[in-house]
């Protein structure tokens, strides 16, 4: 067995905690801003970036498993990666739909004459 990349008993919780917390904050921010139709590019770009990070975590986990790293190393990297590649792409259409709905509301409001 090769030398572990990090001490799994001490540090294996960090990737999942950091990734989960930041994605959770991004989700809260997306829910708030998407319903208002604000910061579309920022939110959708960040959503894509975190999806890529999830893929990188999962690939790193697979590499760690294949080279014989301890369970805590590959599992600590793989669980947030797997959850990220399942949840983030599946929620992307919902966020994009909220932005479209906000844009439609804005266009409908512009159609009404002022002063009525």
N, C-alpha and C. Protein backbone atom coordinates (compact mmCIF):
# COMPACT_ATOMS: atom_id res chain seq x y z
N UNK A 1 0.84 -1.18 0.00
CA UNK A 1 0.00 0.00 0.00
C UNK A 1 0.89 1.24 0.00
N UNK A 2 0.63 2.18 -0.93
CA UNK A 2 1.44 3.40 -0.97
C UNK A 2 1.14 4.32 0.22
N UNK A 3 2.01 5.27 0.38
CA UNK A 3 1.82 6.27 1.44
C UNK A 3 0.52 7.04 1.18
N UNK A 4 -0.34 7.21 2.20
CA UNK A 4 -1.59 7.96 1.99
C UNK A 4 -1.31 9.42 1.60
N UNK A 5 -2.16 9.96 0.76
CA UNK A 5 -2.01 11.34 0.32
C UNK A 5 -2.19 12.30 1.47
N UNK A 6 -3.05 11.94 2.40
CA UNK A 6 -3.26 12.72 3.62
C UNK A 6 -3.75 11.76 4.69
N UNK A 7 -3.73 12.19 5.94
CA UNK A 7 -4.18 11.34 7.03
C UNK A 7 -5.70 11.23 6.99
N UNK A 8 -6.23 10.07 6.60
CA UNK A 8 -7.68 9.94 6.44
C UNK A 8 -8.44 10.06 7.76
N UNK A 9 -7.81 9.73 8.88
CA UNK A 9 -8.49 9.85 10.16
C UNK A 9 -8.66 11.29 10.60
N UNK A 10 -7.82 12.16 10.10
CA UNK A 10 -7.88 13.56 10.50
C UNK A 10 -8.54 14.44 9.45
N UNK A 11 -8.29 14.19 8.17
CA UNK A 11 -8.67 15.14 7.13
C UNK A 11 -9.73 14.66 6.14
N UNK A 12 -10.23 13.47 6.26
CA UNK A 12 -11.15 12.96 5.23
C UNK A 12 -12.49 13.68 5.21
N UNK A 13 -12.85 14.37 6.27
CA UNK A 13 -14.12 15.10 6.33
C UNK A 13 -14.06 16.44 5.61
N UNK A 14 -12.89 16.96 5.37
CA UNK A 14 -12.75 18.32 4.84
C UNK A 14 -13.31 18.48 3.42
N UNK A 15 -12.99 17.62 2.45
CA UNK A 15 -13.53 17.86 1.09
C UNK A 15 -15.05 17.91 1.05
N UNK A 16 -15.70 16.97 1.73
CA UNK A 16 -17.17 16.95 1.72
C UNK A 16 -17.77 18.13 2.43
N UNK A 17 -17.17 18.53 3.54
CA UNK A 17 -17.70 19.66 4.30
C UNK A 17 -17.55 20.96 3.54
N UNK A 18 -16.37 21.19 2.99
CA UNK A 18 -16.14 22.44 2.24
C UNK A 18 -17.00 22.48 0.98
N UNK A 19 -17.02 21.37 0.24
CA UNK A 19 -17.80 21.35 -1.00
C UNK A 19 -19.29 21.47 -0.70
N UNK A 20 -19.77 20.71 0.27
CA UNK A 20 -21.19 20.75 0.61
C UNK A 20 -21.65 22.10 1.12
N UNK A 21 -20.83 22.72 1.94
CA UNK A 21 -21.19 24.04 2.48
C UNK A 21 -21.22 25.09 1.39
N UNK A 22 -20.21 25.10 0.53
CA UNK A 22 -20.19 26.13 -0.52
C UNK A 22 -21.30 25.90 -1.55
N UNK A 23 -21.58 24.65 -1.88
CA UNK A 23 -22.67 24.38 -2.82
C UNK A 23 -24.01 24.72 -2.18
N UNK A 24 -24.15 24.47 -0.89
CA UNK A 24 -25.37 24.85 -0.19
C UNK A 24 -25.58 26.35 -0.18
N UNK A 25 -24.50 27.10 0.05
CA UNK A 25 -24.60 28.56 0.00
C UNK A 25 -24.91 29.04 -1.41
N UNK A 26 -24.31 28.40 -2.40
CA UNK A 26 -24.60 28.74 -3.79
C UNK A 26 -26.07 28.46 -4.11
N UNK A 27 -26.59 27.35 -3.61
CA UNK A 27 -28.00 27.02 -3.84
C UNK A 27 -28.93 28.05 -3.21
N UNK A 28 -28.62 28.48 -2.00
CA UNK A 28 -29.44 29.51 -1.34
C UNK A 28 -29.37 30.82 -2.12
N UNK A 29 -28.17 31.17 -2.55
CA UNK A 29 -28.00 32.39 -3.34
C UNK A 29 -28.74 32.29 -4.67
N UNK A 30 -28.65 31.13 -5.30
CA UNK A 30 -29.34 30.92 -6.58
C UNK A 30 -30.84 31.00 -6.41
N UNK A 31 -31.37 30.41 -5.36
CA UNK A 31 -32.81 30.47 -5.13
C UNK A 31 -33.30 31.88 -4.90
N UNK A 32 -32.52 32.66 -4.19
CA UNK A 32 -32.91 34.04 -3.92
C UNK A 32 -32.79 34.91 -5.16
N UNK A 33 -31.64 34.84 -5.83
CA UNK A 33 -31.40 35.72 -6.97
C UNK A 33 -32.16 35.30 -8.22
N UNK A 34 -32.37 34.01 -8.42
CA UNK A 34 -33.07 33.56 -9.62
C UNK A 34 -34.52 34.01 -9.61
N UNK A 35 -35.15 33.98 -8.45
CA UNK A 35 -36.55 34.41 -8.39
C UNK A 35 -36.68 35.91 -8.64
N UNK A 36 -35.61 36.65 -8.40
CA UNK A 36 -35.61 38.09 -8.67
C UNK A 36 -35.07 38.41 -10.06
N UNK A 37 -34.51 37.43 -10.72
CA UNK A 37 -33.95 37.62 -12.05
C UNK A 37 -32.62 38.36 -12.05
N UNK A 38 -31.88 38.28 -10.96
CA UNK A 38 -30.62 39.01 -10.84
C UNK A 38 -29.42 38.06 -10.89
N UNK A 39 -28.31 38.55 -11.38
CA UNK A 39 -27.01 37.85 -11.41
C UNK A 39 -27.08 36.50 -12.10
N UNK A 40 -27.75 36.45 -13.22
CA UNK A 40 -27.91 35.19 -13.95
C UNK A 40 -26.57 34.60 -14.36
N UNK A 41 -25.75 35.39 -14.99
CA UNK A 41 -24.47 34.89 -15.48
C UNK A 41 -23.59 34.38 -14.33
N UNK A 42 -23.54 35.11 -13.23
CA UNK A 42 -22.73 34.71 -12.09
C UNK A 42 -23.20 33.36 -11.53
N UNK A 43 -24.49 33.24 -11.30
CA UNK A 43 -25.02 32.02 -10.68
C UNK A 43 -24.83 30.82 -11.61
N UNK A 44 -25.19 30.96 -12.87
CA UNK A 44 -25.07 29.81 -13.78
C UNK A 44 -23.62 29.45 -14.04
N UNK A 45 -22.73 30.43 -14.06
CA UNK A 45 -21.29 30.15 -14.22
C UNK A 45 -20.75 29.42 -12.99
N UNK A 46 -21.11 29.91 -11.81
CA UNK A 46 -20.66 29.25 -10.59
C UNK A 46 -21.22 27.83 -10.50
N UNK A 47 -22.46 27.64 -10.95
CA UNK A 47 -23.06 26.31 -10.95
C UNK A 47 -22.22 25.37 -11.83
N UNK A 48 -21.82 25.86 -12.99
CA UNK A 48 -20.98 25.06 -13.88
C UNK A 48 -19.61 24.78 -13.29
N UNK A 49 -19.02 25.77 -12.63
CA UNK A 49 -17.70 25.59 -12.01
C UNK A 49 -17.77 24.52 -10.93
N UNK A 50 -18.80 24.56 -10.11
CA UNK A 50 -18.91 23.57 -9.05
C UNK A 50 -19.23 22.18 -9.60
N UNK A 51 -19.87 22.11 -10.74
CA UNK A 51 -20.07 20.81 -11.39
C UNK A 51 -18.73 20.25 -11.85
N UNK A 52 -17.89 21.09 -12.41
CA UNK A 52 -16.55 20.66 -12.83
C UNK A 52 -15.72 20.24 -11.62
N UNK A 53 -15.83 20.97 -10.52
CA UNK A 53 -15.11 20.59 -9.29
C UNK A 53 -15.59 19.22 -8.80
N UNK A 54 -16.89 18.98 -8.88
CA UNK A 54 -17.42 17.67 -8.47
C UNK A 54 -16.86 16.55 -9.34
N UNK A 55 -16.78 16.79 -10.62
CA UNK A 55 -16.20 15.78 -11.52
C UNK A 55 -14.73 15.55 -11.16
N UNK A 56 -14.00 16.63 -10.87
CA UNK A 56 -12.59 16.50 -10.50
C UNK A 56 -12.44 15.72 -9.20
N UNK A 57 -13.32 15.96 -8.24
CA UNK A 57 -13.27 15.21 -6.99
C UNK A 57 -13.52 13.72 -7.23
N UNK A 58 -14.50 13.42 -8.07
CA UNK A 58 -14.80 12.01 -8.35
C UNK A 58 -13.66 11.33 -9.11
N UNK A 59 -13.09 12.01 -10.08
CA UNK A 59 -11.96 11.44 -10.84
C UNK A 59 -10.76 11.22 -9.91
N UNK A 60 -10.50 12.20 -9.04
CA UNK A 60 -9.40 12.05 -8.08
C UNK A 60 -9.66 10.88 -7.15
N UNK A 61 -10.90 10.70 -6.76
CA UNK A 61 -11.26 9.58 -5.90
C UNK A 61 -11.03 8.24 -6.61
N UNK A 62 -11.40 8.17 -7.87
CA UNK A 62 -11.20 6.94 -8.63
C UNK A 62 -9.70 6.64 -8.78
N UNK A 63 -8.92 7.68 -9.01
CA UNK A 63 -7.46 7.50 -9.09
C UNK A 63 -6.92 7.03 -7.75
N UNK A 64 -7.40 7.65 -6.66
CA UNK A 64 -6.94 7.24 -5.33
C UNK A 64 -7.29 5.78 -5.05
N UNK A 65 -8.46 5.37 -5.43
CA UNK A 65 -8.88 3.98 -5.23
C UNK A 65 -8.01 3.03 -6.06
N UNK A 66 -7.75 3.44 -7.30
CA UNK A 66 -7.00 2.55 -8.20
C UNK A 66 -5.53 2.39 -7.80
N UNK A 67 -4.96 3.39 -7.13
CA UNK A 67 -3.57 3.26 -6.70
C UNK A 67 -3.44 2.69 -5.29
N UNK A 68 -4.58 2.35 -4.68
CA UNK A 68 -4.54 1.68 -3.39
C UNK A 68 -4.52 2.59 -2.18
N UNK A 69 -5.04 3.79 -2.31
CA UNK A 69 -5.13 4.69 -1.16
C UNK A 69 -6.13 4.12 -0.15
N UNK A 70 -6.00 4.48 1.12
CA UNK A 70 -6.93 3.98 2.13
C UNK A 70 -8.36 4.46 1.87
N UNK A 71 -9.29 3.74 2.47
CA UNK A 71 -10.72 4.03 2.31
C UNK A 71 -11.04 5.50 2.59
N UNK A 72 -10.51 6.05 3.67
CA UNK A 72 -10.82 7.43 4.05
C UNK A 72 -10.38 8.44 3.01
N UNK A 73 -9.35 8.15 2.26
CA UNK A 73 -8.87 9.08 1.23
C UNK A 73 -9.82 9.07 0.04
N UNK A 74 -10.05 7.90 -0.54
CA UNK A 74 -10.88 7.89 -1.76
C UNK A 74 -12.34 8.14 -1.46
N UNK A 75 -12.84 7.70 -0.31
CA UNK A 75 -14.24 7.94 0.03
C UNK A 75 -14.46 9.41 0.36
N UNK A 76 -13.52 10.02 1.07
CA UNK A 76 -13.64 11.43 1.42
C UNK A 76 -13.66 12.34 0.20
N UNK A 77 -13.03 11.92 -0.86
CA UNK A 77 -13.05 12.69 -2.11
C UNK A 77 -14.22 12.28 -3.00
N UNK A 78 -14.59 11.01 -2.96
CA UNK A 78 -15.59 10.48 -3.89
C UNK A 78 -17.02 10.83 -3.55
N UNK A 79 -17.35 10.83 -2.26
CA UNK A 79 -18.74 11.10 -1.90
C UNK A 79 -19.20 12.50 -2.32
N UNK A 80 -18.46 13.57 -2.00
CA UNK A 80 -18.92 14.88 -2.49
C UNK A 80 -18.89 14.98 -4.00
N UNK A 81 -17.94 14.31 -4.64
CA UNK A 81 -17.89 14.32 -6.10
C UNK A 81 -19.10 13.65 -6.71
N UNK A 82 -19.46 12.48 -6.19
CA UNK A 82 -20.61 11.75 -6.71
C UNK A 82 -21.91 12.52 -6.48
N UNK A 83 -22.08 13.02 -5.27
CA UNK A 83 -23.29 13.80 -4.99
C UNK A 83 -23.36 15.06 -5.85
N UNK A 84 -22.19 15.68 -6.05
CA UNK A 84 -22.16 16.89 -6.88
C UNK A 84 -22.54 16.63 -8.32
N UNK A 85 -22.04 15.54 -8.90
CA UNK A 85 -22.36 15.30 -10.31
C UNK A 85 -23.78 14.78 -10.49
N UNK A 86 -24.41 14.33 -9.42
CA UNK A 86 -25.82 13.94 -9.51
C UNK A 86 -26.72 15.16 -9.29
N UNK A 87 -26.47 15.91 -8.23
CA UNK A 87 -27.38 16.98 -7.84
C UNK A 87 -27.25 18.26 -8.66
N UNK A 88 -26.02 18.69 -8.92
CA UNK A 88 -25.85 19.97 -9.61
C UNK A 88 -26.44 19.98 -11.02
N UNK A 89 -26.12 19.01 -11.88
CA UNK A 89 -26.73 19.03 -13.21
C UNK A 89 -28.24 18.82 -13.18
N UNK A 90 -28.74 18.07 -12.20
CA UNK A 90 -30.19 17.85 -12.16
C UNK A 90 -30.95 19.09 -11.70
N UNK A 91 -30.31 19.99 -10.97
CA UNK A 91 -30.97 21.21 -10.51
C UNK A 91 -30.75 22.41 -11.44
N UNK A 92 -29.81 22.29 -12.36
CA UNK A 92 -29.52 23.39 -13.30
C UNK A 92 -30.77 23.82 -14.09
N UNK A 93 -31.55 22.88 -14.66
CA UNK A 93 -32.74 23.31 -15.42
C UNK A 93 -33.75 24.06 -14.57
N UNK A 94 -33.87 23.71 -13.30
CA UNK A 94 -34.80 24.41 -12.41
C UNK A 94 -34.37 25.86 -12.21
N UNK A 95 -33.09 26.07 -12.01
CA UNK A 95 -32.59 27.44 -11.81
C UNK A 95 -32.75 28.24 -13.09
N UNK A 96 -32.42 27.64 -14.23
CA UNK A 96 -32.58 28.34 -15.51
C UNK A 96 -34.05 28.68 -15.75
N UNK A 97 -34.96 27.79 -15.35
CA UNK A 97 -36.39 28.05 -15.52
C UNK A 97 -36.83 29.23 -14.64
N UNK A 98 -36.30 29.31 -13.42
CA UNK A 98 -36.65 30.45 -12.54
C UNK A 98 -36.19 31.77 -13.16
N UNK A 99 -35.04 31.77 -13.79
CA UNK A 99 -34.58 32.99 -14.46
C UNK A 99 -35.48 33.34 -15.65
N UNK A 100 -35.91 32.34 -16.40
CA UNK A 100 -36.84 32.59 -17.52
C UNK A 100 -38.17 33.14 -17.01
N UNK A 101 -38.68 32.59 -15.92
CA UNK A 101 -39.94 33.08 -15.34
C UNK A 101 -39.80 34.52 -14.88
N UNK A 102 -38.67 34.87 -14.27
CA UNK A 102 -38.45 36.25 -13.83
C UNK A 102 -38.39 37.19 -15.04
N UNK A 103 -37.78 36.74 -16.12
CA UNK A 103 -37.71 37.56 -17.33
C UNK A 103 -39.09 37.74 -17.94
N UNK A 104 -39.89 36.69 -17.94
CA UNK A 104 -41.27 36.80 -18.45
C UNK A 104 -42.10 37.76 -17.62
N UNK A 105 -41.95 37.71 -16.29
CA UNK A 105 -42.66 38.66 -15.42
C UNK A 105 -42.23 40.09 -15.71
N UNK A 106 -40.94 40.27 -15.94
CA UNK A 106 -40.44 41.61 -16.23
C UNK A 106 -41.00 42.13 -17.56
N UNK A 107 -41.09 41.24 -18.56
CA UNK A 107 -41.62 41.65 -19.87
C UNK A 107 -43.13 41.92 -19.78
N UNK A 108 -43.86 41.13 -19.01
CA UNK A 108 -45.29 41.36 -18.84
C UNK A 108 -45.55 42.68 -18.12
N UNK A 109 -44.72 42.99 -17.15
CA UNK A 109 -44.88 44.25 -16.43
C UNK A 109 -44.59 45.44 -17.36
N UNK A 110 -43.67 45.27 -18.28
CA UNK A 110 -43.35 46.35 -19.22
C UNK A 110 -44.47 46.57 -20.23
N UNK A 111 -45.30 45.54 -20.46
CA UNK A 111 -46.40 45.65 -21.42
C UNK A 111 -47.57 46.48 -20.88
N UNK A 112 -47.73 46.56 -19.58
CA UNK A 112 -48.84 47.30 -19.01
C UNK A 112 -48.57 48.81 -19.10
N UNK A 113 -49.60 49.59 -19.50
CA UNK A 113 -49.40 51.04 -19.57
C UNK A 113 -49.25 51.63 -18.17
N UNK A 114 -48.45 52.65 -18.08
CA UNK A 114 -48.22 53.31 -16.80
C UNK A 114 -49.36 54.28 -16.50
N UNK A 115 -49.59 54.49 -15.23
CA UNK A 115 -50.60 55.46 -14.83
C UNK A 115 -51.99 54.87 -14.64
N UNK A 116 -52.16 53.63 -14.74
CA UNK A 116 -53.47 53.01 -14.53
C UNK A 116 -53.65 52.54 -13.16
